[in-house]
mmCIF file of all heavy atoms, coordinates in Angstrom:
data_MODEL
# 
_entry.id   MODEL 
# 
loop_
_atom_site.group_PDB 
_atom_site.id 
_atom_site.type_symbol 
_atom_site.label_atom_id 
_atom_site.label_alt_id 
_atom_site.label_comp_id 
_atom_site.label_asym_id 
_atom_site.label_entity_id 
_atom_site.label_seq_id 
_atom_site.pdbx_PDB_ins_code 
_atom_site.Cartn_x 
_atom_site.Cartn_y 
_atom_site.Cartn_z 
_atom_site.occupancy 
_atom_site.B_iso_or_equiv 
_atom_site.pdbx_formal_charge 
_atom_site.auth_seq_id 
_atom_site.auth_comp_id 
_atom_site.auth_asym_id 
_atom_site.auth_atom_id 
_atom_site.pdbx_PDB_model_num 
ATOM 1   N N   . ILE A 1 1  ? -23.844 -79.148 1.129  1.00 0.00 ? 1  ILE A N   1 
ATOM 2   C CA  . ILE A 1 1  ? -24.912 -78.630 1.979  1.00 0.00 ? 1  ILE A CA  1 
ATOM 3   C C   . ILE A 1 1  ? -24.535 -77.209 2.363  1.00 0.00 ? 1  ILE A C   1 
ATOM 4   O O   . ILE A 1 1  ? -23.617 -77.026 3.118  1.00 0.00 ? 1  ILE A O   1 
ATOM 5   C CB  . ILE A 1 1  ? -25.123 -79.509 3.198  1.00 0.00 ? 1  ILE A CB  1 
ATOM 6   C CG1 . ILE A 1 1  ? -25.419 -80.974 2.820  1.00 0.00 ? 1  ILE A CG1 1 
ATOM 7   C CG2 . ILE A 1 1  ? -26.219 -78.999 4.064  1.00 0.00 ? 1  ILE A CG2 1 
ATOM 8   C CD1 . ILE A 1 1  ? -25.513 -81.910 3.963  1.00 0.00 ? 1  ILE A CD1 1 
ATOM 9   N N   . PRO A 1 2  ? -25.307 -76.220 1.925  1.00 0.00 ? 2  PRO A N   1 
ATOM 10  C CA  . PRO A 1 2  ? -25.043 -74.854 2.288  1.00 0.00 ? 2  PRO A CA  1 
ATOM 11  C C   . PRO A 1 2  ? -25.152 -74.630 3.845  1.00 0.00 ? 2  PRO A C   1 
ATOM 12  O O   . PRO A 1 2  ? -26.014 -75.316 4.407  1.00 0.00 ? 2  PRO A O   1 
ATOM 13  C CB  . PRO A 1 2  ? -26.082 -74.043 1.513  1.00 0.00 ? 2  PRO A CB  1 
ATOM 14  C CG  . PRO A 1 2  ? -26.528 -74.955 0.372  1.00 0.00 ? 2  PRO A CG  1 
ATOM 15  C CD  . PRO A 1 2  ? -26.436 -76.338 0.932  1.00 0.00 ? 2  PRO A CD  1 
ATOM 16  N N   . ILE A 1 3  ? -24.465 -73.740 4.399  1.00 0.00 ? 3  ILE A N   1 
ATOM 17  C CA  . ILE A 1 3  ? -24.569 -73.423 5.771  1.00 0.00 ? 3  ILE A CA  1 
ATOM 18  C C   . ILE A 1 3  ? -25.848 -72.733 6.149  1.00 0.00 ? 3  ILE A C   1 
ATOM 19  O O   . ILE A 1 3  ? -26.563 -73.087 7.031  1.00 0.00 ? 3  ILE A O   1 
ATOM 20  C CB  . ILE A 1 3  ? -23.416 -72.612 6.217  1.00 0.00 ? 3  ILE A CB  1 
ATOM 21  C CG1 . ILE A 1 3  ? -22.090 -73.435 6.150  1.00 0.00 ? 3  ILE A CG1 1 
ATOM 22  C CG2 . ILE A 1 3  ? -23.574 -72.122 7.771  1.00 0.00 ? 3  ILE A CG2 1 
ATOM 23  C CD1 . ILE A 1 3  ? -20.796 -72.685 6.411  1.00 0.00 ? 3  ILE A CD1 1 
ATOM 24  N N   . ASP A 1 4  ? -26.279 -71.750 5.335  1.00 0.00 ? 4  ASP A N   1 
ATOM 25  C CA  . ASP A 1 4  ? -27.468 -71.067 5.526  1.00 0.00 ? 4  ASP A CA  1 
ATOM 26  C C   . ASP A 1 4  ? -27.953 -70.403 4.210  1.00 0.00 ? 4  ASP A C   1 
ATOM 27  O O   . ASP A 1 4  ? -27.398 -69.329 3.845  1.00 0.00 ? 4  ASP A O   1 
ATOM 28  C CB  . ASP A 1 4  ? -27.410 -70.013 6.612  1.00 0.00 ? 4  ASP A CB  1 
ATOM 29  C CG  . ASP A 1 4  ? -28.742 -69.284 6.927  1.00 0.00 ? 4  ASP A CG  1 
ATOM 30  O OD1 . ASP A 1 4  ? -29.690 -69.528 6.186  1.00 0.00 ? 4  ASP A OD1 1 
ATOM 31  O OD2 . ASP A 1 4  ? -28.786 -68.588 7.888  1.00 0.00 ? 4  ASP A OD2 1 
ATOM 32  N N   . PRO A 1 5  ? -28.733 -71.023 3.379  1.00 0.00 ? 5  PRO A N   1 
ATOM 33  C CA  . PRO A 1 5  ? -29.108 -70.461 2.085  1.00 0.00 ? 5  PRO A CA  1 
ATOM 34  C C   . PRO A 1 5  ? -29.917 -69.083 2.174  1.00 0.00 ? 5  PRO A C   1 
ATOM 35  O O   . PRO A 1 5  ? -29.911 -68.377 1.175  1.00 0.00 ? 5  PRO A O   1 
ATOM 36  C CB  . PRO A 1 5  ? -30.087 -71.512 1.493  1.00 0.00 ? 5  PRO A CB  1 
ATOM 37  C CG  . PRO A 1 5  ? -29.772 -72.741 2.265  1.00 0.00 ? 5  PRO A CG  1 
ATOM 38  C CD  . PRO A 1 5  ? -29.445 -72.343 3.604  1.00 0.00 ? 5  PRO A CD  1 
ATOM 39  N N   . ASP A 1 6  ? -30.409 -68.728 3.284  1.00 0.00 ? 6  ASP A N   1 
ATOM 40  C CA  . ASP A 1 6  ? -31.151 -67.476 3.411  1.00 0.00 ? 6  ASP A CA  1 
ATOM 41  C C   . ASP A 1 6  ? -30.403 -66.376 4.097  1.00 0.00 ? 6  ASP A C   1 
ATOM 42  O O   . ASP A 1 6  ? -30.911 -65.300 4.300  1.00 0.00 ? 6  ASP A O   1 
ATOM 43  C CB  . ASP A 1 6  ? -32.491 -67.736 4.208  1.00 0.00 ? 6  ASP A CB  1 
ATOM 44  C CG  . ASP A 1 6  ? -33.399 -68.740 3.588  1.00 0.00 ? 6  ASP A CG  1 
ATOM 45  O OD1 . ASP A 1 6  ? -33.514 -68.742 2.350  1.00 0.00 ? 6  ASP A OD1 1 
ATOM 46  O OD2 . ASP A 1 6  ? -33.969 -69.569 4.318  1.00 0.00 ? 6  ASP A OD2 1 
ATOM 47  N N   . TRP A 1 7  ? -29.064 -66.587 4.295  1.00 0.00 ? 7  TRP A N   1 
ATOM 48  C CA  . TRP A 1 7  ? -28.272 -65.593 4.995  1.00 0.00 ? 7  TRP A CA  1 
ATOM 49  C C   . TRP A 1 7  ? -28.010 -64.406 4.211  1.00 0.00 ? 7  TRP A C   1 
ATOM 50  O O   . TRP A 1 7  ? -27.892 -64.453 2.970  1.00 0.00 ? 7  TRP A O   1 
ATOM 51  C CB  . TRP A 1 7  ? -26.870 -66.250 5.360  1.00 0.00 ? 7  TRP A CB  1 
ATOM 52  C CG  . TRP A 1 7  ? -26.023 -65.384 6.177  1.00 0.00 ? 7  TRP A CG  1 
ATOM 53  C CD1 . TRP A 1 7  ? -26.047 -65.271 7.575  1.00 0.00 ? 7  TRP A CD1 1 
ATOM 54  C CD2 . TRP A 1 7  ? -24.945 -64.504 5.783  1.00 0.00 ? 7  TRP A CD2 1 
ATOM 55  N NE1 . TRP A 1 7  ? -25.095 -64.393 8.068  1.00 0.00 ? 7  TRP A NE1 1 
ATOM 56  C CE2 . TRP A 1 7  ? -24.405 -63.900 6.991  1.00 0.00 ? 7  TRP A CE2 1 
ATOM 57  C CE3 . TRP A 1 7  ? -24.471 -64.221 4.556  1.00 0.00 ? 7  TRP A CE3 1 
ATOM 58  C CZ2 . TRP A 1 7  ? -23.386 -62.983 6.934  1.00 0.00 ? 7  TRP A CZ2 1 
ATOM 59  C CZ3 . TRP A 1 7  ? -23.408 -63.261 4.466  1.00 0.00 ? 7  TRP A CZ3 1 
ATOM 60  C CH2 . TRP A 1 7  ? -22.877 -62.713 5.653  1.00 0.00 ? 7  TRP A CH2 1 
ATOM 61  N N   . GLN A 1 8  ? -28.032 -63.208 4.866  1.00 0.00 ? 8  GLN A N   1 
ATOM 62  C CA  . GLN A 1 8  ? -27.709 -61.982 4.278  1.00 0.00 ? 8  GLN A CA  1 
ATOM 63  C C   . GLN A 1 8  ? -26.651 -61.255 4.999  1.00 0.00 ? 8  GLN A C   1 
ATOM 64  O O   . GLN A 1 8  ? -26.483 -61.382 6.266  1.00 0.00 ? 8  GLN A O   1 
ATOM 65  C CB  . GLN A 1 8  ? -28.955 -61.075 4.223  1.00 0.00 ? 8  GLN A CB  1 
ATOM 66  C CG  . GLN A 1 8  ? -30.092 -61.644 3.372  1.00 0.00 ? 8  GLN A CG  1 
ATOM 67  C CD  . GLN A 1 8  ? -31.285 -60.699 3.260  1.00 0.00 ? 8  GLN A CD  1 
ATOM 68  O OE1 . GLN A 1 8  ? -31.361 -59.694 4.014  1.00 0.00 ? 8  GLN A OE1 1 
ATOM 69  N NE2 . GLN A 1 8  ? -32.259 -60.985 2.446  1.00 0.00 ? 8  GLN A NE2 1 
ATOM 70  N N   . ILE A 1 9  ? -25.861 -60.423 4.390  1.00 0.00 ? 9  ILE A N   1 
ATOM 71  C CA  . ILE A 1 9  ? -24.749 -59.696 4.949  1.00 0.00 ? 9  ILE A CA  1 
ATOM 72  C C   . ILE A 1 9  ? -25.393 -58.709 5.989  1.00 0.00 ? 9  ILE A C   1 
ATOM 73  O O   . ILE A 1 9  ? -26.283 -57.962 5.576  1.00 0.00 ? 9  ILE A O   1 
ATOM 74  C CB  . ILE A 1 9  ? -23.967 -58.889 3.981  1.00 0.00 ? 9  ILE A CB  1 
ATOM 75  C CG1 . ILE A 1 9  ? -23.285 -59.829 2.971  1.00 0.00 ? 9  ILE A CG1 1 
ATOM 76  C CG2 . ILE A 1 9  ? -22.896 -57.984 4.670  1.00 0.00 ? 9  ILE A CG2 1 
ATOM 77  C CD1 . ILE A 1 9  ? -22.593 -59.136 1.868  1.00 0.00 ? 9  ILE A CD1 1 
ATOM 78  N N   . PRO A 1 10 ? -24.988 -58.742 7.275  1.00 0.00 ? 10 PRO A N   1 
ATOM 79  C CA  . PRO A 1 10 ? -25.581 -57.823 8.262  1.00 0.00 ? 10 PRO A CA  1 
ATOM 80  C C   . PRO A 1 10 ? -25.166 -56.417 7.925  1.00 0.00 ? 10 PRO A C   1 
ATOM 81  O O   . PRO A 1 10 ? -24.092 -56.114 7.709  1.00 0.00 ? 10 PRO A O   1 
ATOM 82  C CB  . PRO A 1 10 ? -24.992 -58.348 9.613  1.00 0.00 ? 10 PRO A CB  1 
ATOM 83  C CG  . PRO A 1 10 ? -23.722 -59.047 9.130  1.00 0.00 ? 10 PRO A CG  1 
ATOM 84  C CD  . PRO A 1 10 ? -24.013 -59.662 7.883  1.00 0.00 ? 10 PRO A CD  1 
ATOM 85  N N   . ALA A 1 11 ? -26.175 -55.480 8.052  1.00 0.00 ? 11 ALA A N   1 
ATOM 86  C CA  . ALA A 1 11 ? -25.926 -54.094 7.833  1.00 0.00 ? 11 ALA A CA  1 
ATOM 87  C C   . ALA A 1 11 ? -25.286 -53.463 8.999  1.00 0.00 ? 11 ALA A C   1 
ATOM 88  O O   . ALA A 1 11 ? -25.440 -53.877 10.200 1.00 0.00 ? 11 ALA A O   1 
ATOM 89  C CB  . ALA A 1 11 ? -27.229 -53.426 7.465  1.00 0.00 ? 11 ALA A CB  1 
ATOM 90  N N   . SER A 1 12 ? -24.532 -52.397 8.846  1.00 0.00 ? 12 SER A N   1 
ATOM 91  C CA  . SER A 1 12 ? -23.961 -51.622 9.885  1.00 0.00 ? 12 SER A CA  1 
ATOM 92  C C   . SER A 1 12 ? -25.027 -51.078 10.705 1.00 0.00 ? 12 SER A C   1 
ATOM 93  O O   . SER A 1 12 ? -26.068 -50.571 10.246 1.00 0.00 ? 12 SER A O   1 
ATOM 94  C CB  . SER A 1 12 ? -23.081 -50.491 9.281  1.00 0.00 ? 12 SER A CB  1 
ATOM 95  O OG  . SER A 1 12 ? -22.661 -49.589 10.317 1.00 0.00 ? 12 SER A OG  1 
ATOM 96  N N   . ASP A 1 13 ? -24.756 -51.082 12.042 1.00 0.00 ? 13 ASP A N   1 
ATOM 97  C CA  . ASP A 1 13 ? -25.833 -50.527 12.979 1.00 0.00 ? 13 ASP A CA  1 
ATOM 98  C C   . ASP A 1 13 ? -25.643 -49.008 13.245 1.00 0.00 ? 13 ASP A C   1 
ATOM 99  O O   . ASP A 1 13 ? -26.262 -48.402 14.090 1.00 0.00 ? 13 ASP A O   1 
ATOM 100 C CB  . ASP A 1 13 ? -25.905 -51.317 14.301 1.00 0.00 ? 13 ASP A CB  1 
ATOM 101 C CG  . ASP A 1 13 ? -24.456 -51.292 14.972 1.00 0.00 ? 13 ASP A CG  1 
ATOM 102 O OD1 . ASP A 1 13 ? -23.546 -50.527 14.562 1.00 0.00 ? 13 ASP A OD1 1 
ATOM 103 O OD2 . ASP A 1 13 ? -24.346 -52.014 16.033 1.00 0.00 ? 13 ASP A OD2 1 
ATOM 104 N N   . GLY A 1 14 ? -24.603 -48.383 12.475 1.00 0.00 ? 14 GLY A N   1 
ATOM 105 C CA  . GLY A 1 14 ? -24.465 -47.021 12.638 1.00 0.00 ? 14 GLY A CA  1 
ATOM 106 C C   . GLY A 1 14 ? -23.909 -46.541 13.927 1.00 0.00 ? 14 GLY A C   1 
ATOM 107 O O   . GLY A 1 14 ? -24.030 -45.391 14.340 1.00 0.00 ? 14 GLY A O   1 
ATOM 108 N N   . GLN A 1 15 ? -23.131 -47.489 14.624 1.00 0.00 ? 15 GLN A N   1 
ATOM 109 C CA  . GLN A 1 15 ? -22.451 -47.057 15.851 1.00 0.00 ? 15 GLN A CA  1 
ATOM 110 C C   . GLN A 1 15 ? -21.420 -45.965 15.654 1.00 0.00 ? 15 GLN A C   1 
ATOM 111 O O   . GLN A 1 15 ? -20.676 -45.938 14.668 1.00 0.00 ? 15 GLN A O   1 
ATOM 112 C CB  . GLN A 1 15 ? -21.834 -48.242 16.494 1.00 0.00 ? 15 GLN A CB  1 
ATOM 113 C CG  . GLN A 1 15 ? -22.814 -49.376 16.991 1.00 0.00 ? 15 GLN A CG  1 
ATOM 114 C CD  . GLN A 1 15 ? -22.080 -50.464 17.674 1.00 0.00 ? 15 GLN A CD  1 
ATOM 115 O OE1 . GLN A 1 15 ? -22.141 -50.510 18.883 1.00 0.00 ? 15 GLN A OE1 1 
ATOM 116 N NE2 . GLN A 1 15 ? -21.398 -51.295 17.010 1.00 0.00 ? 15 GLN A NE2 1 
ATOM 117 N N   . SER A 1 16 ? -21.363 -45.040 16.506 1.00 0.00 ? 16 SER A N   1 
ATOM 118 C CA  . SER A 1 16 ? -20.353 -43.950 16.478 1.00 0.00 ? 16 SER A CA  1 
ATOM 119 C C   . SER A 1 16 ? -19.020 -44.503 16.797 1.00 0.00 ? 16 SER A C   1 
ATOM 120 O O   . SER A 1 16 ? -18.886 -45.572 17.484 1.00 0.00 ? 16 SER A O   1 
ATOM 121 C CB  . SER A 1 16 ? -20.750 -42.811 17.316 1.00 0.00 ? 16 SER A CB  1 
ATOM 122 O OG  . SER A 1 16 ? -20.792 -43.242 18.697 1.00 0.00 ? 16 SER A OG  1 
ATOM 123 N N   . GLN A 1 17 ? -17.922 -43.719 16.528 1.00 0.00 ? 17 GLN A N   1 
ATOM 124 C CA  . GLN A 1 17 ? -16.537 -44.213 16.783 1.00 0.00 ? 17 GLN A CA  1 
ATOM 125 C C   . GLN A 1 17 ? -16.457 -44.258 18.353 1.00 0.00 ? 17 GLN A C   1 
ATOM 126 O O   . GLN A 1 17 ? -16.978 -43.317 19.060 1.00 0.00 ? 17 GLN A O   1 
ATOM 127 C CB  . GLN A 1 17 ? -15.565 -43.324 16.217 1.00 0.00 ? 17 GLN A CB  1 
ATOM 128 C CG  . GLN A 1 17 ? -15.457 -43.512 14.650 1.00 0.00 ? 17 GLN A CG  1 
ATOM 129 C CD  . GLN A 1 17 ? -14.229 -43.001 14.125 1.00 0.00 ? 17 GLN A CD  1 
ATOM 130 O OE1 . GLN A 1 17 ? -13.445 -42.267 14.834 1.00 0.00 ? 17 GLN A OE1 1 
ATOM 131 N NE2 . GLN A 1 17 ? -13.869 -43.231 12.877 1.00 0.00 ? 17 GLN A NE2 1 
ATOM 132 N N   . ALA A 1 18 ? -15.647 -45.204 18.841 1.00 0.00 ? 18 ALA A N   1 
ATOM 133 C CA  . ALA A 1 18 ? -15.442 -45.270 20.214 1.00 0.00 ? 18 ALA A CA  1 
ATOM 134 C C   . ALA A 1 18 ? -14.497 -44.153 20.682 1.00 0.00 ? 18 ALA A C   1 
ATOM 135 O O   . ALA A 1 18 ? -13.792 -43.602 19.906 1.00 0.00 ? 18 ALA A O   1 
ATOM 136 C CB  . ALA A 1 18 ? -14.801 -46.658 20.599 1.00 0.00 ? 18 ALA A CB  1 
ATOM 137 N N   . THR A 1 19 ? -14.576 -43.885 21.973 1.00 0.00 ? 19 THR A N   1 
ATOM 138 C CA  . THR A 1 19 ? -13.719 -42.783 22.470 1.00 0.00 ? 19 THR A CA  1 
ATOM 139 C C   . THR A 1 19 ? -12.332 -43.299 22.854 1.00 0.00 ? 19 THR A C   1 
ATOM 140 O O   . THR A 1 19 ? -11.407 -42.512 23.079 1.00 0.00 ? 19 THR A O   1 
ATOM 141 C CB  . THR A 1 19 ? -14.336 -42.224 23.753 1.00 0.00 ? 19 THR A CB  1 
ATOM 142 O OG1 . THR A 1 19 ? -14.561 -43.196 24.705 1.00 0.00 ? 19 THR A OG1 1 
ATOM 143 C CG2 . THR A 1 19 ? -15.630 -41.474 23.372 1.00 0.00 ? 19 THR A CG2 1 
ATOM 144 N N   . SER A 1 20 ? -12.111 -44.632 22.889 1.00 0.00 ? 20 SER A N   1 
ATOM 145 C CA  . SER A 1 20 ? -10.799 -45.212 23.173 1.00 0.00 ? 20 SER A CA  1 
ATOM 146 C C   . SER A 1 20 ? -10.723 -46.605 22.557 1.00 0.00 ? 20 SER A C   1 
ATOM 147 O O   . SER A 1 20 ? -11.712 -47.197 22.212 1.00 0.00 ? 20 SER A O   1 
ATOM 148 C CB  . SER A 1 20 ? -10.592 -45.321 24.670 1.00 0.00 ? 20 SER A CB  1 
ATOM 149 O OG  . SER A 1 20 ? -11.391 -46.292 25.228 1.00 0.00 ? 20 SER A OG  1 
ATOM 150 N N   . ILE A 1 21 ? -9.446  -47.055 22.467 1.00 0.00 ? 21 ILE A N   1 
ATOM 151 C CA  . ILE A 1 21 ? -9.294  -48.450 22.026 1.00 0.00 ? 21 ILE A CA  1 
ATOM 152 C C   . ILE A 1 21 ? -9.921  -49.442 22.956 1.00 0.00 ? 21 ILE A C   1 
ATOM 153 O O   . ILE A 1 21 ? -10.500 -50.499 22.519 1.00 0.00 ? 21 ILE A O   1 
ATOM 154 C CB  . ILE A 1 21 ? -7.732  -48.770 21.904 1.00 0.00 ? 21 ILE A CB  1 
ATOM 155 C CG1 . ILE A 1 21 ? -7.023  -47.794 20.917 1.00 0.00 ? 21 ILE A CG1 1 
ATOM 156 C CG2 . ILE A 1 21 ? -7.528  -50.207 21.545 1.00 0.00 ? 21 ILE A CG2 1 
ATOM 157 C CD1 . ILE A 1 21 ? -7.567  -47.851 19.501 1.00 0.00 ? 21 ILE A CD1 1 
ATOM 158 N N   . ALA A 1 22 ? -9.928  -49.132 24.186 1.00 0.00 ? 22 ALA A N   1 
ATOM 159 C CA  . ALA A 1 22 ? -10.548 -50.019 25.214 1.00 0.00 ? 22 ALA A CA  1 
ATOM 160 C C   . ALA A 1 22 ? -12.055 -50.268 24.956 1.00 0.00 ? 22 ALA A C   1 
ATOM 161 O O   . ALA A 1 22 ? -12.666 -51.260 25.068 1.00 0.00 ? 22 ALA A O   1 
ATOM 162 C CB  . ALA A 1 22 ? -10.330 -49.500 26.640 1.00 0.00 ? 22 ALA A CB  1 
ATOM 163 N N   . ASP A 1 23 ? -12.712 -49.179 24.476 1.00 0.00 ? 23 ASP A N   1 
ATOM 164 C CA  . ASP A 1 23 ? -14.073 -49.243 24.079 1.00 0.00 ? 23 ASP A CA  1 
ATOM 165 C C   . ASP A 1 23 ? -14.331 -50.205 22.969 1.00 0.00 ? 23 ASP A C   1 
ATOM 166 O O   . ASP A 1 23 ? -15.267 -51.028 23.009 1.00 0.00 ? 23 ASP A O   1 
ATOM 167 C CB  . ASP A 1 23 ? -14.669 -47.914 23.763 1.00 0.00 ? 23 ASP A CB  1 
ATOM 168 C CG  . ASP A 1 23 ? -14.692 -46.951 24.942 1.00 0.00 ? 23 ASP A CG  1 
ATOM 169 O OD1 . ASP A 1 23 ? -14.804 -47.466 26.074 1.00 0.00 ? 23 ASP A OD1 1 
ATOM 170 O OD2 . ASP A 1 23 ? -14.762 -45.680 24.813 1.00 0.00 ? 23 ASP A OD2 1 
ATOM 171 N N   . VAL A 1 24 ? -13.492 -50.117 22.000 1.00 0.00 ? 24 VAL A N   1 
ATOM 172 C CA  . VAL A 1 24 ? -13.567 -51.078 20.823 1.00 0.00 ? 24 VAL A CA  1 
ATOM 173 C C   . VAL A 1 24 ? -13.391 -52.450 21.231 1.00 0.00 ? 24 VAL A C   1 
ATOM 174 O O   . VAL A 1 24 ? -14.177 -53.391 20.938 1.00 0.00 ? 24 VAL A O   1 
ATOM 175 C CB  . VAL A 1 24 ? -12.413 -50.709 19.693 1.00 0.00 ? 24 VAL A CB  1 
ATOM 176 C CG1 . VAL A 1 24 ? -12.557 -51.737 18.574 1.00 0.00 ? 24 VAL A CG1 1 
ATOM 177 C CG2 . VAL A 1 24 ? -12.712 -49.288 19.186 1.00 0.00 ? 24 VAL A CG2 1 
# 
């Protein structure tokens, strides 16, 4: 039984790099 036959890889939302590790 497939988990979700209609699933697609989510595309990147184009977020910019964080300014610190804490932001990530």
